[in-house]
Amino acid sequence: MADSLYACLFLILASAGFSSAAHACTVCGFGQDGSQGPFLLTTALMTMMPLLFVGGAVYYIRRRLKSRSHDEG
């Protein structure tokens, strides 16, 4: 129990030490080089793709189950 507490405390302190490195990230910085549009586009794409995959899978499974129940009934 104490080992996991020490490990958790170490991770918290280590992440606090690396926060300045994360703040200096050039990818998320929205510089003046015109990268705002592509950055927002890829962010939206990466947000929507998993939702579309799950929605497509649910739609496909639901459609297959309906066609099976219609064929049996």
C-alpha atoms as a PDB file:
ATOM      1  CA  MET A   1       0.000   0.000   0.000  1.00  0.00           C
ATOM      2  CA  ALA A   2       2.786   2.401   0.893  1.00  0.00           C
ATOM      3  CA  ASP A   3       4.650   1.548  -2.315  1.00  0.00           C
ATOM      4  CA  SER A   4       1.688   2.538  -4.459  1.00  0.00           C
ATOM      5  CA  LEU A   5       1.309   5.742  -2.473  1.00  0.00           C
ATOM      6  CA  TYR A   6       4.971   6.599  -3.079  1.00  0.00           C
ATOM      7  CA  ALA A   7       4.631   5.745  -6.770  1.00  0.00           C
ATOM      8  CA  CYS A   8       1.578   7.978  -7.078  1.00  0.00           C
ATOM      9  CA  LEU A   9       3.333  10.810  -5.259  1.00  0.00           C
ATOM     10  CA  PHE A  10       6.362  10.415  -7.523  1.00  0.00           C
ATOM     11  CA  LEU A  11       4.183  10.585 -10.654  1.00  0.00           C
ATOM     12  CA  ILE A  12       2.451  13.723  -9.418  1.00  0.00           C
ATOM     13  CA  LEU A  13       5.751  15.444  -8.650  1.00  0.00           C
ATOM     14  CA  ALA A  14       7.311  14.299 -11.922  1.00  0.00           C
ATOM     15  CA  SER A  15       4.370  15.581 -13.955  1.00  0.00           C
ATOM     16  CA  ALA A  16       4.552  18.906 -12.136  1.00  0.00           C
ATOM     17  CA  GLY A  17       8.206  19.123 -13.108  1.00  0.00           C
ATOM     18  CA  PHE A  18       7.469  18.497 -16.789  1.00  0.00           C
ATOM     19  CA  SER A  19       4.631  21.002 -17.060  1.00  0.00           C
ATOM     20  CA  SER A  20       6.953  23.707 -18.378  1.00  0.00           C
ATOM     21  CA  ALA A  21       8.031  21.398 -21.210  1.00  0.00           C
ATOM     22  CA  ALA A  22       4.411  20.758 -22.122  1.00  0.00           C
ATOM     23  CA  HIS A  23       3.668  24.470 -22.064  1.00  0.00           C
ATOM     24  CA  ALA A  24       6.417  25.032 -24.613  1.00  0.00           C
ATOM     25  CA  CYS A  25       4.901  22.619 -27.151  1.00  0.00           C
ATOM     26  CA  THR A  26       5.179  24.151 -30.630  1.00  0.00           C
ATOM     27  CA  VAL A  27       2.421  22.006 -32.109  1.00  0.00           C
ATOM     28  CA  CYS A  28      -0.345  23.327 -29.868  1.00  0.00           C
ATOM     29  CA  GLY A  29       1.029  26.836 -29.655  1.00  0.00           C
ATOM     30  CA  PHE A  30      -1.090  28.396 -32.431  1.00  0.00           C
ATOM     31  CA  GLY A  31       1.809  30.359 -33.818  1.00  0.00           C
ATOM     32  CA  GLN A  32       1.570  32.991 -36.526  1.00  0.00           C
ATOM     33  CA  ASP A  33       2.611  30.613 -39.299  1.00  0.00           C
ATOM     34  CA  GLY A  34      -0.922  29.858 -40.506  1.00  0.00           C
ATOM     35  CA  SER A  35      -1.231  26.449 -38.866  1.00  0.00           C
ATOM     36  CA  GLN A  36      -4.430  27.245 -36.958  1.00  0.00           C
ATOM     37  CA  GLY A  37      -6.787  25.933 -39.648  1.00  0.00           C
ATOM     38  CA  PRO A  38      -5.071  22.579 -40.211  1.00  0.00           C
ATOM     39  CA  PHE A  39      -4.641  22.120 -36.469  1.00  0.00           C
ATOM     40  CA  LEU A  40      -8.343  22.671 -35.822  1.00  0.00           C
ATOM     41  CA  LEU A  41      -9.273  20.433 -38.766  1.00  0.00           C
ATOM     42  CA  THR A  42      -7.165  17.534 -37.529  1.00  0.00           C
ATOM     43  CA  THR A  43      -8.467  18.037 -33.991  1.00  0.00           C
ATOM     44  CA  ALA A  44     -12.047  17.837 -35.243  1.00  0.00           C
ATOM     45  CA  LEU A  45     -11.194  14.819 -37.377  1.00  0.00           C
ATOM     46  CA  MET A  46      -9.568  12.958 -34.501  1.00  0.00           C
ATOM     47  CA  THR A  47     -12.558  13.786 -32.299  1.00  0.00           C
ATOM     48  CA  MET A  48     -15.194  12.672 -34.787  1.00  0.00           C
ATOM     49  CA  MET A  49     -13.595   9.505 -36.199  1.00  0.00           C
ATOM     50  CA  PRO A  50     -14.044   7.302 -33.105  1.00  0.00           C
ATOM     51  CA  LEU A  51     -17.621   8.502 -32.746  1.00  0.00           C
ATOM     52  CA  LEU A  52     -18.330   7.720 -36.389  1.00  0.00           C
ATOM     53  CA  PHE A  53     -16.720   4.278 -36.111  1.00  0.00           C
ATOM     54  CA  VAL A  54     -18.784   3.360 -33.050  1.00  0.00           C
ATOM     55  CA  GLY A  55     -21.958   4.799 -34.582  1.00  0.00           C
ATOM     56  CA  GLY A  56     -21.352   2.890 -37.816  1.00  0.00           C
ATOM     57  CA  ALA A  57     -20.769  -0.353 -35.918  1.00  0.00           C
ATOM     58  CA  VAL A  58     -23.963   0.106 -33.889  1.00  0.00           C
ATOM     59  CA  TYR A  59     -25.931   0.898 -37.044  1.00  0.00           C
ATOM     60  CA  TYR A  60     -24.528  -2.167 -38.842  1.00  0.00           C
ATOM     61  CA  ILE A  61     -25.232  -4.531 -35.947  1.00  0.00           C
ATOM     62  CA  ARG A  62     -28.731  -3.132 -35.466  1.00  0.00           C
ATOM     63  CA  ARG A  63     -29.486  -3.488 -39.180  1.00  0.00           C
ATOM     64  CA  ARG A  64     -28.208  -7.084 -39.194  1.00  0.00           C
ATOM     65  CA  LEU A  65     -30.294  -7.982 -36.144  1.00  0.00           C
ATOM     66  CA  LYS A  66     -33.415  -6.461 -37.699  1.00  0.00           C
ATOM     67  CA  SER A  67     -32.908  -8.370 -40.946  1.00  0.00           C
ATOM     68  CA  ARG A  68     -32.428 -11.630 -39.028  1.00  0.00           C
ATOM     69  CA  SER A  69     -35.544 -11.119 -36.937  1.00  0.00           C
ATOM     70  CA  HIS A  70     -37.497 -10.184 -40.079  1.00  0.00           C
ATOM     71  CA  ASP A  71     -36.280 -13.344 -41.879  1.00  0.00           C
ATOM     72  CA  GLU A  72     -37.221 -15.570 -38.922  1.00  0.00           C
ATOM     73  CA  GLY A  73     -40.607 -13.979 -38.293  1.00  0.00           C
END
